[in-house]
């Protein structure tokens, strides 16, 4: 079962215990009431295992063969290159005797770069109702402001990271130096450990949360470090297209720029560490007690962290590097030398994932194994005889892959009877007067 299905099982259990209504649970999971009732029947009959689709791992009964897909793409490319998917599907059936759905053909044409999907018009915007359950959606943002009114060292400004629950207005906040990947990862790491995983996080299109480069706008595979981490944790990230879309968190910053600034002034606080302690122990408890509202449902839909979810590894900056022939890795102006004994087979040229943890440590991961290494001051000289591979047996500190020794041909080897004919001298060319 996937972790998403296990998260659904937790919500269905609350429905079974009558802590949550079916309508609210369906809206929380993004399902229709009818689909939720189907899931409830499977859950009551077989528990969490009943939520796994029975057709998982088997091909569709109506799937097209690869040969037919290639033929259809070739016909469209040669005969109907400027046709739309609907019109092309009609002509394929009429003129070539191939019946294929226009949506299936649309997908094939997009994959083959014959057709580009058209952008749809923005829908009419209406006021969105609050989510019904606590933990269903967290609105999140950062605000850079002169929170200390010039009292911070050097007159610098600070950034306040804050999240606000969409159902009951509960606020969690923390002062940081800037709105970057590492501070945001640390904020959500503390949140997940204390409360669990919310179903959705609603935020803006800041470069920390979304890759906004022009060459990456149409490529769904290019995601930010934050999106990658939330995807691994099965937390959906929703990007707002305007400040008004996440108005509750924007209104919060307007209130805090008035109230919190004055509270920090009255308390005489002029550094970030003291401000964070003041936030957690004094300001936020009183603020939440006054401004929190009663949600439509009393259920808490936060998902628990699974044992397989290593927060320190997930909430880190990931980047790829290639292993050199001398089993070194170049990473951020430093050289890392892999040890001889490793938990798995290591070959030169393999790509590894470099994890920069929040504690500034660096971990090298090859698939699901972490490699042992030593830091080097500069690049070492390449040895004359390089090992072919590092051992994958941690119990034996030996390298089984040894270089081959040179061999001498035998006296009667055919190579010795081979003679090279002397080359005839070439005649010089004479110029004709």
Protein backbone atom coordinates (compact mmCIF):
# COMPACT_ATOMS: atom_id res chain seq x y z
CA UNK A 1 0.00 0.00 0.00
CA UNK A 2 1.09 3.56 -0.64
CA UNK A 3 1.47 6.07 2.17
CA UNK A 4 -1.38 8.10 0.68
CA UNK A 5 -3.70 5.12 1.14
CA UNK A 6 -2.51 4.71 4.73
CA UNK A 7 -3.31 8.38 5.35
CA UNK A 8 -6.81 7.81 3.95
CA UNK A 9 -7.22 4.87 6.29
CA UNK A 10 -6.68 7.19 9.26
CA UNK A 11 -9.46 9.51 8.10
CA UNK A 12 -11.82 6.59 7.39
CA UNK A 13 -11.17 5.28 10.89
CA UNK A 14 -12.38 8.61 12.30
CA UNK A 15 -15.53 8.23 10.19
CA UNK A 16 -15.97 4.71 11.60
CA UNK A 17 -15.58 6.06 15.15
CA UNK A 18 -18.21 8.72 14.32
CA UNK A 19 -15.75 11.55 14.97
CA UNK A 20 -16.13 12.76 11.41
CA UNK A 21 -19.05 12.84 8.97
CA UNK A 22 -18.78 11.22 5.55
CA UNK A 23 -19.46 14.53 3.76
CA UNK A 24 -16.65 16.35 5.56
CA UNK A 25 -14.23 13.43 5.11
CA UNK A 26 -14.99 13.30 1.36
CA UNK A 27 -14.33 17.01 0.99
CA UNK A 28 -11.11 16.73 2.98
CA UNK A 29 -9.77 13.96 0.71
CA UNK A 30 -11.05 15.59 -2.49
CA UNK A 31 -13.53 12.78 -3.24
CA UNK A 32 -17.22 12.63 -4.01
CA UNK A 33 -19.67 11.32 -1.39
CA UNK A 34 -20.34 8.27 -3.55
CA UNK A 35 -16.66 7.39 -3.85
CA UNK A 36 -16.20 7.79 -0.09
CA UNK A 37 -19.04 5.35 0.56
CA UNK A 38 -17.34 2.84 -1.74
CA UNK A 39 -14.12 3.23 0.24
CA UNK A 40 -15.99 2.81 3.52
CA UNK A 41 -17.43 -0.52 2.33
CA UNK A 42 -13.94 -1.77 1.43
CA UNK A 43 -12.46 -0.43 4.67
CA UNK A 44 -15.08 -2.11 6.87
CA UNK A 45 -14.63 -5.39 4.99
CA UNK A 46 -10.83 -5.63 4.75
CA UNK A 47 -9.41 -2.77 6.76
CA UNK A 48 -6.66 -0.57 5.35
CA UNK A 49 -5.61 -3.29 2.86
CA UNK A 50 -9.00 -2.98 1.16
CA UNK A 51 -8.15 0.52 -0.06
CA UNK A 52 -5.51 -0.77 -2.51
CA UNK A 53 -6.82 -1.02 -6.06
CA UNK A 54 -7.23 -4.62 -7.17
CA UNK A 55 -5.98 -3.87 -10.69
CA UNK A 56 -2.69 -2.47 -9.46
CA UNK A 57 0.28 -3.89 -11.34
CA UNK A 58 -1.74 -5.38 -14.22
CA UNK A 59 -2.10 -3.77 -17.68
CA UNK A 60 -5.41 -2.27 -18.73
CA UNK A 61 -7.81 -4.47 -20.69
CA UNK A 62 -8.15 -1.74 -23.33
CA UNK A 63 -4.53 -0.62 -23.55
CA UNK A 64 -3.05 0.01 -26.97
CA UNK A 65 -0.01 -1.88 -28.15
CA UNK A 66 3.20 0.08 -28.61
CA UNK A 67 3.25 -0.81 -32.31
CA UNK A 68 -0.19 0.72 -32.81
CA UNK A 69 0.82 3.85 -30.88
CA UNK A 70 3.92 4.27 -33.05
CA UNK A 71 1.86 3.81 -36.22
CA UNK A 72 -0.75 6.37 -35.12
CA UNK A 73 1.93 8.93 -34.23
CA UNK A 74 3.67 8.40 -37.57
CA UNK A 75 0.39 8.82 -39.51
CA UNK A 76 -0.45 12.02 -37.65
CA UNK A 77 3.05 13.37 -38.13
CA UNK A 78 3.04 12.73 -41.90
CA UNK A 79 -0.62 13.19 -42.92
CA UNK A 80 -2.26 15.30 -40.21
CA UNK A 81 0.49 17.41 -38.61
CA UNK A 82 -1.66 20.53 -38.19
CA UNK A 83 -4.88 18.72 -37.17
CA UNK A 84 -6.32 18.95 -33.69
CA UNK A 85 -6.69 15.71 -31.69
CA UNK A 86 -10.47 15.47 -32.23
CA UNK A 87 -10.30 16.13 -35.96
CA UNK A 88 -7.28 13.84 -36.37
CA UNK A 89 -9.04 10.96 -34.58
CA UNK A 90 -12.02 11.34 -36.94
CA UNK A 91 -9.77 11.23 -40.02
CA UNK A 92 -7.80 8.25 -38.71
CA UNK A 93 -11.03 6.28 -38.42
CA UNK A 94 -12.44 7.56 -41.73
CA UNK A 95 -9.38 7.28 -43.97
CA UNK A 96 -7.03 4.82 -42.24
CA UNK A 97 -9.46 2.51 -40.44
CA UNK A 98 -7.92 3.16 -36.99
CA UNK A 99 -10.39 3.92 -34.22
CA UNK A 100 -8.81 5.76 -31.31
CA UNK A 101 -10.29 8.11 -28.72
CA UNK A 102 -9.51 11.78 -29.19
CA UNK A 103 -8.27 12.15 -25.59
CA UNK A 104 -5.95 9.16 -26.01
CA UNK A 105 -4.69 10.67 -29.25
CA UNK A 106 -4.26 14.02 -27.54
CA UNK A 107 -1.91 12.45 -25.00
CA UNK A 108 0.11 10.71 -27.73
CA UNK A 109 0.39 13.94 -29.74
CA UNK A 110 1.51 15.93 -26.70
CA UNK A 111 4.13 13.30 -25.83
CA UNK A 112 5.40 13.33 -29.43
CA UNK A 113 5.42 17.17 -29.40
CA UNK A 114 2.99 17.36 -32.33
CA UNK A 115 0.33 19.19 -30.33
CA UNK A 116 0.60 21.80 -27.58
CA UNK A 117 -2.27 22.00 -25.08
CA UNK A 118 -4.15 25.28 -25.09
CA UNK A 119 -4.32 27.33 -21.94
CA UNK A 120 -7.80 27.65 -20.52
CA UNK A 121 -9.28 30.89 -19.29
CA UNK A 122 -9.17 31.59 -15.58
CA UNK A 123 -12.44 30.57 -13.88
CA UNK A 124 -14.66 33.07 -12.15
CA UNK A 125 -13.40 33.67 -8.61
CA UNK A 126 -15.76 33.44 -5.67
CA UNK A 127 -15.20 33.68 -1.92
CA UNK A 128 -13.90 30.35 -0.69
CA UNK A 129 -15.40 28.81 2.41
CA UNK A 130 -13.15 27.66 5.22
CA UNK A 131 -12.03 24.05 5.33
CA UNK A 132 -14.11 22.05 7.79
CA UNK A 133 -11.38 20.18 9.70
CA UNK A 134 -8.33 21.19 11.66
CA UNK A 135 -5.22 20.14 9.73
CA UNK A 136 -6.95 20.11 6.35
CA UNK A 137 -5.15 23.20 5.01
CA UNK A 138 -2.38 25.45 6.32
CA UNK A 139 -1.91 28.85 4.70
CA UNK A 140 1.77 29.76 4.84
CA UNK A 141 3.91 32.77 3.95
CA UNK A 142 6.89 34.86 5.04
CA UNK A 143 6.92 38.61 5.73
CA UNK A 144 10.09 40.73 5.71
CA UNK A 145 9.51 43.81 7.85
CA UNK A 146 11.19 46.11 10.36
CA UNK A 147 9.74 44.09 13.23
CA UNK A 148 12.26 45.45 15.77
CA UNK A 149 12.00 49.10 14.66
CA UNK A 150 15.72 49.37 14.03
CA UNK A 151 16.79 47.73 17.31
CA UNK A 152 18.18 44.63 15.54
CA UNK A 153 21.96 44.64 15.13
CA UNK A 154 22.94 46.92 12.27
CA UNK A 155 19.34 48.08 11.81
CA UNK A 156 18.63 44.96 9.71
CA UNK A 157 15.14 43.68 9.03
CA UNK A 158 13.95 40.18 9.93
CA UNK A 159 11.51 37.77 8.29
CA UNK A 160 8.53 36.25 10.10
CA UNK A 161 7.46 32.81 8.83
CA UNK A 162 3.87 32.06 9.79
CA UNK A 163 1.24 29.42 9.10
CA UNK A 164 -2.47 29.77 9.77
CA UNK A 165 -4.91 26.88 9.90
CA UNK A 166 -7.73 27.48 7.43
CA UNK A 167 -10.36 25.87 9.66
CA UNK A 168 -9.81 27.40 13.12
CA UNK A 169 -7.24 30.23 12.55
CA UNK A 170 -4.51 28.70 14.77
CA UNK A 171 -1.28 30.61 14.11
CA UNK A 172 2.29 29.31 14.36
CA UNK A 173 5.16 31.69 13.68
CA UNK A 174 8.93 32.00 13.90
CA UNK A 175 11.48 34.77 13.21
CA UNK A 176 14.29 33.94 10.76
CA UNK A 177 16.95 35.93 8.97
CA UNK A 178 15.54 35.31 5.47
CA UNK A 179 12.83 33.35 3.64
CA UNK A 180 15.08 30.63 2.24
CA UNK A 181 14.94 26.87 1.79
CA UNK A 182 16.78 25.95 5.01
CA UNK A 183 14.70 28.19 7.37
CA UNK A 184 11.45 27.06 5.74
CA UNK A 185 12.46 23.37 5.98
CA UNK A 186 13.33 23.87 9.67
CA UNK A 187 9.95 25.54 10.31
CA UNK A 188 7.98 22.68 8.80
CA UNK A 189 10.20 20.06 10.42
CA UNK A 190 9.21 21.41 13.85
CA UNK A 191 5.57 21.55 12.73
CA UNK A 192 5.50 17.91 11.53
CA UNK A 193 7.12 16.64 14.73
CA UNK A 194 4.66 18.51 16.94
CA UNK A 195 1.36 18.18 15.09
CA UNK A 196 1.76 15.78 12.15
CA UNK A 197 1.32 16.41 8.42
CA UNK A 198 -1.49 18.68 7.15
CA UNK A 199 -3.34 17.59 4.04
CA UNK A 200 -2.52 20.77 2.08
CA UNK A 201 -0.20 23.77 2.29
CA UNK A 202 -1.43 26.93 0.54
CA UNK A 203 1.31 29.43 -0.31
CA UNK A 204 2.52 31.86 -2.96
CA UNK A 205 4.97 31.49 -5.85
CA UNK A 206 8.10 32.64 -4.05
CA UNK A 207 11.28 31.13 -5.54
CA UNK A 208 11.76 29.07 -2.36
CA UNK A 209 8.49 27.24 -3.03
CA UNK A 210 8.30 27.13 -6.85
CA UNK A 211 10.75 27.23 -9.76
CA UNK A 212 9.73 30.30 -11.76
CA UNK A 213 12.41 30.25 -14.49
CA UNK A 214 10.99 30.81 -17.98
CA UNK A 215 12.52 27.63 -19.40
CA UNK A 216 10.94 25.58 -16.56
CA UNK A 217 7.40 26.96 -16.61
CA UNK A 218 6.13 24.29 -19.02
CA UNK A 219 8.14 21.43 -17.48
CA UNK A 220 6.28 19.75 -14.62
CA UNK A 221 9.36 17.70 -13.70
CA UNK A 222 11.30 20.80 -12.58
CA UNK A 223 10.29 21.37 -8.98
CA UNK A 224 11.76 23.24 -6.06
CA UNK A 225 13.44 21.60 -3.08
CA UNK A 226 10.38 22.43 -0.97
CA UNK A 227 7.97 20.84 -3.47
CA UNK A 228 10.18 17.76 -3.68
CA UNK A 229 10.20 17.36 0.11
CA UNK A 230 6.42 17.82 0.41
CA UNK A 231 5.86 15.33 -2.41
CA UNK A 232 7.91 12.74 -0.53
CA UNK A 233 5.79 13.39 2.58
CA UNK A 234 2.53 13.22 0.57
CA UNK A 235 1.54 16.78 1.49
CA UNK A 236 -0.12 18.62 -1.38
CA UNK A 237 1.31 22.07 -2.16
CA UNK A 238 -1.11 24.61 -3.65
CA UNK A 239 0.32 27.78 -5.20
CA UNK A 240 -1.88 30.88 -5.07
CA UNK A 241 -2.06 33.07 -8.16
CA UNK A 242 -2.74 36.27 -6.20
CA UNK A 243 -2.38 37.62 -2.64
CA UNK A 244 -6.17 37.76 -2.38
CA UNK A 245 -6.39 33.98 -2.84
CA UNK A 246 -4.61 33.45 0.50
CA UNK A 247 -6.19 36.43 2.18
CA UNK A 248 -6.25 34.95 5.69
CA UNK A 249 -2.47 34.77 5.99
CA UNK A 250 -2.08 38.19 4.33
CA UNK A 251 -4.54 39.71 6.83
CA UNK A 252 -2.58 38.06 9.64
CA UNK A 253 0.60 39.90 8.69
CA UNK A 254 -1.32 43.17 8.61
CA UNK A 255 -2.48 42.52 12.17
CA UNK A 256 0.95 41.40 13.40
CA UNK A 257 2.71 44.42 11.91
CA UNK A 258 0.54 46.46 14.24
CA UNK A 259 0.26 44.33 17.38
CA UNK A 260 3.48 42.28 17.41
CA UNK A 261 5.75 45.25 16.70
CA UNK A 262 4.33 47.10 19.67
CA UNK A 263 4.50 44.02 21.93
CA UNK A 264 8.19 43.55 21.10
CA UNK A 265 8.80 47.21 21.85
CA UNK A 266 7.05 46.98 25.23
CA UNK A 267 9.01 43.83 26.12
CA UNK A 268 12.30 45.49 25.13
CA UNK A 269 13.27 42.67 22.77
CA UNK A 270 15.95 43.43 20.19
CA UNK A 271 17.21 40.04 18.95
CA UNK A 272 15.67 37.12 17.04
CA UNK A 273 16.32 34.43 19.67
CA UNK A 274 14.51 36.35 22.44
CA UNK A 275 11.72 37.26 20.01
CA UNK A 276 11.10 33.59 19.13
CA UNK A 277 10.94 32.65 22.82
CA UNK A 278 8.50 35.52 23.41
CA UNK A 279 6.37 34.35 20.48
CA UNK A 280 6.02 30.76 21.70
CA UNK A 281 5.50 31.42 25.41
CA UNK A 282 3.63 34.73 25.57
CA UNK A 283 2.29 36.24 22.36
CA UNK A 284 0.96 33.31 20.30
CA UNK A 285 -0.91 31.53 23.14
CA UNK A 286 -2.80 34.73 23.95
CA UNK A 287 -3.29 35.60 20.27
CA UNK A 288 -4.69 32.17 19.35
CA UNK A 289 -6.96 32.12 22.39
CA UNK A 290 -8.54 35.38 21.30
CA UNK A 291 -8.73 35.01 17.51
CA UNK A 292 -9.25 31.28 16.94
CA UNK A 293 -12.68 30.22 15.65
CA UNK A 294 -14.62 27.01 16.03
CA UNK A 295 -14.24 24.73 12.97
CA UNK A 296 -17.20 23.06 11.30
CA UNK A 297 -15.97 19.63 12.45
CA UNK A 298 -14.09 18.61 15.58
CA UNK A 299 -11.89 15.99 13.87
CA UNK A 300 -8.14 16.46 13.49
CA UNK A 301 -7.06 15.28 10.00
CA UNK A 302 -3.31 15.68 10.48
CA UNK A 303 -1.51 12.54 9.24
CA UNK A 304 1.07 10.88 11.44
CA UNK A 305 4.65 10.53 10.28
CA UNK A 306 5.42 7.03 8.99
CA UNK A 307 8.51 5.16 10.25
CA UNK A 308 9.88 5.16 6.70
CA UNK A 309 9.79 8.97 6.51
CA UNK A 310 13.18 10.25 7.64
CA UNK A 311 12.57 13.97 8.20
CA UNK A 312 16.26 14.83 8.41
CA UNK A 313 16.87 13.26 4.99
CA UNK A 314 13.70 14.54 3.34
CA UNK A 315 13.93 18.11 4.69
CA UNK A 316 17.36 18.70 3.20
CA UNK A 317 18.75 20.13 -0.03
CA UNK A 318 19.27 17.37 -2.61
CA UNK A 319 21.63 17.59 -5.58
CA UNK A 320 23.21 15.02 -7.90
CA UNK A 321 26.92 14.37 -8.45
CA UNK A 322 28.92 11.77 -10.38
CA UNK A 323 31.61 9.52 -8.85
CA UNK A 324 35.04 10.12 -10.41
CA UNK A 325 37.40 7.34 -11.52
CA UNK A 326 39.44 7.69 -8.32
CA UNK A 327 36.25 7.40 -6.21
CA UNK A 328 36.20 11.08 -5.30
CA UNK A 329 33.29 13.50 -5.54
CA UNK A 330 33.58 17.21 -6.18
CA UNK A 331 31.00 19.13 -4.15
CA UNK A 332 30.94 22.86 -3.43
CA UNK A 333 34.68 23.59 -3.73
CA UNK A 334 35.71 20.53 -1.72
CA UNK A 335 36.72 16.96 -2.51
CA UNK A 336 35.16 13.95 -0.80
CA UNK A 337 36.97 10.57 -0.89
CA UNK A 338 34.78 7.45 -0.64
CA UNK A 339 35.99 4.77 1.77
CA UNK A 340 37.06 1.34 0.52
CA UNK A 341 34.32 -0.59 2.35
CA UNK A 342 30.76 0.44 1.51
CA UNK A 343 27.29 -1.01 2.21
CA UNK A 344 26.69 -1.53 -1.53
CA UNK A 345 28.62 -1.90 -4.77
CA UNK A 346 30.06 1.43 -5.88
CA UNK A 347 31.28 1.99 -9.45
CA UNK A 348 32.91 5.03 -11.05
CA UNK A 349 30.48 7.09 -13.09
CA UNK A 350 27.50 6.30 -10.88
CA UNK A 351 25.29 9.23 -9.90
CA UNK A 352 24.72 9.83 -6.20
CA UNK A 353 22.44 12.19 -4.27
CA UNK A 354 24.14 14.74 -2.03
CA UNK A 355 22.00 15.64 0.99
CA UNK A 356 22.79 18.92 2.75
CA UNK A 357 21.09 18.50 6.11
CA UNK A 358 19.85 21.37 8.29
CA UNK A 359 22.76 20.76 10.69
CA UNK A 360 25.19 21.54 7.80
CA UNK A 361 26.29 17.88 7.52
CA UNK A 362 26.64 16.25 4.09
CA UNK A 363 25.36 12.74 3.38
CA UNK A 364 26.00 10.81 0.16
CA UNK A 365 23.21 8.45 -0.89
CA UNK A 366 23.39 5.79 -3.61
CA UNK A 367 19.85 4.44 -4.06
CA UNK A 368 18.84 3.57 -0.46
CA UNK A 369 22.36 3.31 0.99
CA UNK A 370 24.52 6.02 2.55
CA UNK A 371 28.18 5.92 1.57
CA UNK A 372 31.09 6.47 3.95
CA UNK A 373 33.58 9.16 2.95
CA UNK A 374 36.41 11.40 4.14
CA UNK A 375 36.92 15.08 3.41
CA UNK A 376 40.05 16.04 1.47
CA UNK A 377 41.70 19.43 1.40
CA UNK A 378 42.47 19.24 -2.32
CA UNK A 379 42.07 16.79 -5.17
CA UNK A 380 44.37 13.76 -4.71
CA UNK A 381 46.63 12.54 -7.49
CA UNK A 382 45.08 9.69 -9.50
CA UNK A 383 46.79 6.39 -8.70
CA UNK A 384 48.47 4.44 -11.50
CA UNK A 385 46.31 1.37 -10.78
CA UNK A 386 42.73 2.34 -9.96
CA UNK A 387 40.36 -0.19 -8.33
CA UNK A 388 37.54 -1.33 -10.57
CA UNK A 389 34.90 -1.14 -7.84
CA UNK A 390 34.55 -0.70 -4.11
CA UNK A 391 33.50 -3.75 -2.12
CA UNK A 392 29.85 -4.23 -1.35
CA UNK A 393 30.48 -6.58 1.58
CA UNK A 394 30.90 -4.58 4.80
CA UNK A 395 31.98 -7.73 6.66
CA UNK A 396 35.15 -8.21 4.58
CA UNK A 397 37.47 -5.23 4.35
CA UNK A 398 38.93 -6.41 1.05
CA UNK A 399 38.46 -5.37 -2.53
CA UNK A 400 37.45 -8.39 -4.58
CA UNK A 401 37.87 -6.59 -7.90
CA UNK A 402 41.66 -6.65 -8.60
CA UNK A 403 43.45 -5.40 -11.74
CA UNK A 404 44.64 -8.14 -14.13
CA UNK A 405 48.39 -8.86 -14.32
CA UNK A 406 50.04 -8.60 -17.81
CA UNK A 407 50.72 -11.97 -19.51
CA UNK A 408 53.52 -13.01 -21.91
CA UNK A 409 52.56 -14.91 -25.14
CA UNK A 410 53.83 -18.49 -25.45
CA UNK A 411 56.76 -19.31 -27.85
CA UNK A 412 54.43 -20.92 -30.41
CA UNK A 413 51.80 -18.19 -30.25
CA UNK A 414 50.56 -17.15 -33.75
CA UNK A 415 51.44 -13.59 -32.88
CA UNK A 416 55.16 -14.46 -33.00
CA UNK A 417 54.94 -15.85 -36.58
CA UNK A 418 53.39 -12.66 -37.90
CA UNK A 419 55.85 -10.61 -39.95
CA UNK A 420 55.39 -7.15 -41.31
CA UNK A 421 56.42 -6.75 -44.95
CA UNK A 422 58.88 -3.92 -45.55
CA UNK A 423 57.25 -0.94 -47.15
CA UNK A 424 58.37 -0.12 -50.72
CA UNK A 425 59.83 3.38 -51.10
CA UNK A 426 57.56 5.73 -52.95
CA UNK A 427 58.77 7.33 -56.14
CA UNK A 428 59.15 11.07 -56.03
CA UNK A 429 56.79 13.05 -58.20
CA UNK A 430 58.51 15.24 -60.80
CA UNK A 431 57.00 18.47 -61.91
CA UNK A 432 56.25 18.81 -65.61
CA UNK A 433 57.63 22.00 -67.01
